[in-house]
Amino acid sequence: MRIGELAKRADVSVRSLRYYEEQGLLESERTTGGHREYRESDVARVRFMQMLYAAGMPSRRIIELLPFLDTGVATPRMLDHFDEESERIRRQIEALTATHTRLARLREIAAESVAGRPPSECRSSANAAAA
């Protein structure tokens, strides 16, 4: 498939796909006319890379882990990287969960303010929830 179709199916920009190629994260074949051609499996690969980027994983780390998808052969270093990234993401989830909990409580207090609770009580409760 051509680059535009891959971009559409993987829900990324053509520019992102070119960047992935520059970084060594994605490979394409070239037609005689110079157009990039991708495999069907590249759709899932690009979506997976997008997930890793969204989780805050840098290109250099993704490059270290992707060979396992291609070869099925892992190294002890890869295992360490998988463990490190999993732990980093776990900590990120905990921090986001704590933030979500505080925002939900602040929203409840804001609803009480809208319903007529005195501002001084709302301010006091809001400051306690934000602490």
C-alpha atoms as a PDB file:
ATOM      1  CA  MET A   1       0.000   0.000   0.000  1.00  0.00           C
ATOM      2  CA  ARG A   2       1.146   3.562  -0.584  1.00  0.00           C
ATOM      3  CA  ILE A   3       2.077   6.052   2.127  1.00  0.00           C
ATOM      4  CA  GLY A   4      -1.232   7.930   1.992  1.00  0.00           C
ATOM      5  CA  GLU A   5      -3.251   4.765   2.525  1.00  0.00           C
ATOM      6  CA  LEU A   6      -1.047   3.666   5.420  1.00  0.00           C
ATOM      7  CA  ALA A   7      -1.390   7.112   6.984  1.00  0.00           C
ATOM      8  CA  LYS A   8      -5.167   6.949   6.706  1.00  0.00           C
ATOM      9  CA  ARG A   9      -5.489   3.391   8.003  1.00  0.00           C
ATOM     10  CA  ALA A  10      -3.078   3.929  10.891  1.00  0.00           C
ATOM     11  CA  ASP A  11      -4.553   7.374  11.663  1.00  0.00           C
ATOM     12  CA  VAL A  12      -1.245   9.226  11.424  1.00  0.00           C
ATOM     13  CA  SER A  13       0.131  11.901   9.156  1.00  0.00           C
ATOM     14  CA  VAL A  14       2.260  11.187   6.120  1.00  0.00           C
ATOM     15  CA  ARG A  15       4.894  13.343   7.772  1.00  0.00           C
ATOM     16  CA  SER A  16       4.917  11.007  10.791  1.00  0.00           C
ATOM     17  CA  LEU A  17       5.459   8.011   8.551  1.00  0.00           C
ATOM     18  CA  ARG A  18       8.397   9.723   6.867  1.00  0.00           C
ATOM     19  CA  TYR A  19       9.818  10.534  10.298  1.00  0.00           C
ATOM     20  CA  TYR A  20       9.450   6.908  11.370  1.00  0.00           C
ATOM     21  CA  GLU A  21      11.422   5.864   8.313  1.00  0.00           C
ATOM     22  CA  GLU A  22      14.139   8.437   9.025  1.00  0.00           C
ATOM     23  CA  GLN A  23      14.406   7.081  12.563  1.00  0.00           C
ATOM     24  CA  GLY A  24      14.661   3.464  11.377  1.00  0.00           C
ATOM     25  CA  LEU A  25      11.304   2.513  12.922  1.00  0.00           C
ATOM     26  CA  LEU A  26       9.584   1.678   9.641  1.00  0.00           C
ATOM     27  CA  GLU A  27      10.772   0.366   6.300  1.00  0.00           C
ATOM     28  CA  SER A  28       9.252   0.650   2.866  1.00  0.00           C
ATOM     29  CA  GLU A  29       9.995  -0.723  -0.530  1.00  0.00           C
ATOM     30  CA  ARG A  30      10.277   1.674  -3.457  1.00  0.00           C
ATOM     31  CA  THR A  31       8.425   1.234  -6.722  1.00  0.00           C
ATOM     32  CA  THR A  32      10.193   1.862 -10.002  1.00  0.00           C
ATOM     33  CA  GLY A  33       8.559   5.299  -9.904  1.00  0.00           C
ATOM     34  CA  GLY A  34      10.080   5.993  -6.463  1.00  0.00           C
ATOM     35  CA  HIS A  35       6.848   5.668  -4.477  1.00  0.00           C
ATOM     36  CA  ARG A  36       6.948   4.081  -1.049  1.00  0.00           C
ATOM     37  CA  GLU A  37       5.138   0.760  -0.659  1.00  0.00           C
ATOM     38  CA  TYR A  38       4.233  -0.704   2.717  1.00  0.00           C
ATOM     39  CA  ARG A  39       3.089  -4.103   3.936  1.00  0.00           C
ATOM     40  CA  GLU A  40      -0.302  -4.791   5.485  1.00  0.00           C
ATOM     41  CA  SER A  41       1.431  -5.555   8.795  1.00  0.00           C
ATOM     42  CA  ASP A  42       2.780  -2.005   8.902  1.00  0.00           C
ATOM     43  CA  VAL A  43      -0.675  -0.711   9.876  1.00  0.00           C
ATOM     44  CA  ALA A  44      -0.503  -2.549  13.218  1.00  0.00           C
ATOM     45  CA  ARG A  45       3.170  -1.650  13.636  1.00  0.00           C
ATOM     46  CA  VAL A  46       2.491   2.068  13.202  1.00  0.00           C
ATOM     47  CA  ARG A  47      -0.492   1.937  15.562  1.00  0.00           C
ATOM     48  CA  PHE A  48       1.683   0.205  18.152  1.00  0.00           C
ATOM     49  CA  MET A  49       4.409   2.833  17.743  1.00  0.00           C
ATOM     50  CA  GLN A  50       1.777   5.535  18.235  1.00  0.00           C
ATOM     51  CA  MET A  51       0.746   3.872  21.499  1.00  0.00           C
ATOM     52  CA  LEU A  52       4.355   3.829  22.677  1.00  0.00           C
ATOM     53  CA  TYR A  53       4.842   7.490  21.749  1.00  0.00           C
ATOM     54  CA  ALA A  54       1.595   8.412  23.513  1.00  0.00           C
ATOM     55  CA  ALA A  55       2.917   6.677  26.631  1.00  0.00           C
ATOM     56  CA  GLY A  56       6.008   8.889  26.481  1.00  0.00           C
ATOM     57  CA  MET A  57       8.475   6.401  25.065  1.00  0.00           C
ATOM     58  CA  PRO A  58      11.227   8.082  23.018  1.00  0.00           C
ATOM     59  CA  SER A  59      12.228   6.938  19.530  1.00  0.00           C
ATOM     60  CA  ARG A  60      15.592   5.649  20.707  1.00  0.00           C
ATOM     61  CA  ARG A  61      13.905   3.226  23.109  1.00  0.00           C
ATOM     62  CA  ILE A  62      11.309   2.133  20.560  1.00  0.00           C
ATOM     63  CA  ILE A  63      14.130   1.361  18.117  1.00  0.00           C
ATOM     64  CA  GLU A  64      15.699  -0.901  20.746  1.00  0.00           C
ATOM     65  CA  LEU A  65      12.467  -2.867  21.262  1.00  0.00           C
ATOM     66  CA  LEU A  66      11.034  -3.199  17.748  1.00  0.00           C
ATOM     67  CA  PRO A  67      13.524  -5.803  16.498  1.00  0.00           C
ATOM     68  CA  PHE A  68      11.745  -8.316  18.727  1.00  0.00           C
ATOM     69  CA  LEU A  69       8.592  -7.832  16.629  1.00  0.00           C
ATOM     70  CA  ASP A  70      10.569  -8.593  13.494  1.00  0.00           C
ATOM     71  CA  THR A  71      12.708 -11.482  14.687  1.00  0.00           C
ATOM     72  CA  GLY A  72      11.066 -12.946  17.772  1.00  0.00           C
ATOM     73  CA  VAL A  73      14.514 -12.970  19.336  1.00  0.00           C
ATOM     74  CA  ALA A  74      14.960 -11.079  22.594  1.00  0.00           C
ATOM     75  CA  THR A  75      18.104 -10.095  24.429  1.00  0.00           C
ATOM     76  CA  PRO A  76      18.663  -9.566  28.141  1.00  0.00           C
ATOM     77  CA  ARG A  77      19.001  -5.850  27.387  1.00  0.00           C
ATOM     78  CA  MET A  78      15.584  -5.852  25.711  1.00  0.00           C
ATOM     79  CA  LEU A  79      14.072  -7.471  28.784  1.00  0.00           C
ATOM     80  CA  ASP A  80      15.592  -4.724  30.925  1.00  0.00           C
ATOM     81  CA  HIS A  81      14.124  -2.080  28.610  1.00  0.00           C
ATOM     82  CA  PHE A  82      10.688  -3.714  28.693  1.00  0.00           C
ATOM     83  CA  ASP A  83      10.857  -3.763  32.492  1.00  0.00           C
ATOM     84  CA  GLU A  84      12.036  -0.148  32.726  1.00  0.00           C
ATOM     85  CA  GLU A  85       9.338   1.131  30.395  1.00  0.00           C
ATOM     86  CA  SER A  86       6.627  -0.894  32.107  1.00  0.00           C
ATOM     87  CA  GLU A  87       7.671   0.518  35.472  1.00  0.00           C
ATOM     88  CA  ARG A  88       7.802   4.080  34.107  1.00  0.00           C
ATOM     89  CA  ILE A  89       4.321   3.698  32.631  1.00  0.00           C
ATOM     90  CA  ARG A  90       3.009   2.194  35.896  1.00  0.00           C
ATOM     91  CA  ARG A  91       4.284   5.247  37.799  1.00  0.00           C
ATOM     92  CA  GLN A  92       2.729   7.502  35.169  1.00  0.00           C
ATOM     93  CA  ILE A  93      -0.621   5.716  35.569  1.00  0.00           C
ATOM     94  CA  GLU A  94      -0.461   6.151  39.348  1.00  0.00           C
ATOM     95  CA  ALA A  95       0.246   9.875  38.992  1.00  0.00           C
ATOM     96  CA  LEU A  96      -2.566  10.308  36.462  1.00  0.00           C
ATOM     97  CA  THR A  97      -4.961   8.364  38.680  1.00  0.00           C
ATOM     98  CA  ALA A  98      -4.140  10.599  41.646  1.00  0.00           C
ATOM     99  CA  THR A  99      -4.677  13.689  39.491  1.00  0.00           C
ATOM    100  CA  HIS A 100      -7.961  12.304  38.190  1.00  0.00           C
ATOM    101  CA  THR A 101      -9.170  11.623  41.735  1.00  0.00           C
ATOM    102  CA  ARG A 102      -8.364  15.167  42.850  1.00  0.00           C
ATOM    103  CA  LEU A 103     -10.031  16.697  39.796  1.00  0.00           C
ATOM    104  CA  ALA A 104     -13.142  14.599  40.369  1.00  0.00           C
ATOM    105  CA  ARG A 105     -13.313  15.823  43.976  1.00  0.00           C
ATOM    106  CA  LEU A 106     -12.818  19.434  42.880  1.00  0.00           C
ATOM    107  CA  ARG A 107     -15.602  18.986  40.348  1.00  0.00           C
ATOM    108  CA  GLU A 108     -17.905  17.766  43.131  1.00  0.00           C
ATOM    109  CA  ILE A 109     -17.057  20.825  45.213  1.00  0.00           C
ATOM    110  CA  ALA A 110     -17.594  23.097  42.202  1.00  0.00           C
ATOM    111  CA  ALA A 111     -21.035  21.512  41.714  1.00  0.00           C
ATOM    112  CA  GLU A 112     -21.826  22.297  45.336  1.00  0.00           C
ATOM    113  CA  SER A 113     -20.804  25.909  44.689  1.00  0.00           C
ATOM    114  CA  VAL A 114     -23.134  26.070  41.687  1.00  0.00           C
ATOM    115  CA  ALA A 115     -25.889  24.631  43.887  1.00  0.00           C
ATOM    116  CA  GLY A 116     -25.438  27.445  46.413  1.00  0.00           C
ATOM    117  CA  ARG A 117     -22.922  26.220  49.000  1.00  0.00           C
ATOM    118  CA  PRO A 118     -21.182  29.244  50.570  1.00  0.00           C
ATOM    119  CA  PRO A 119     -17.924  30.279  48.834  1.00  0.00           C
ATOM    120  CA  SER A 120     -15.912  30.103  52.049  1.00  0.00           C
ATOM    121  CA  GLU A 121     -16.880  26.465  52.571  1.00  0.00           C
ATOM    122  CA  CYS A 122     -16.193  25.628  48.926  1.00  0.00           C
ATOM    123  CA  ARG A 123     -12.818  27.364  49.019  1.00  0.00           C
ATOM    124  CA  SER A 124     -11.846  25.512  52.178  1.00  0.00           C
ATOM    125  CA  SER A 125     -12.945  22.158  50.748  1.00  0.00           C
ATOM    126  CA  ALA A 126     -11.291  22.863  47.394  1.00  0.00           C
ATOM    127  CA  ASN A 127      -7.970  23.756  49.002  1.00  0.00           C
ATOM    128  CA  ALA A 128      -8.103  20.575  51.090  1.00  0.00           C
ATOM    129  CA  ALA A 129      -8.859  18.475  48.001  1.00  0.00           C
ATOM    130  CA  ALA A 130      -6.038  20.065  46.027  1.00  0.00           C
ATOM    131  CA  ALA A 131      -3.453  19.511  48.781  1.00  0.00           C
END
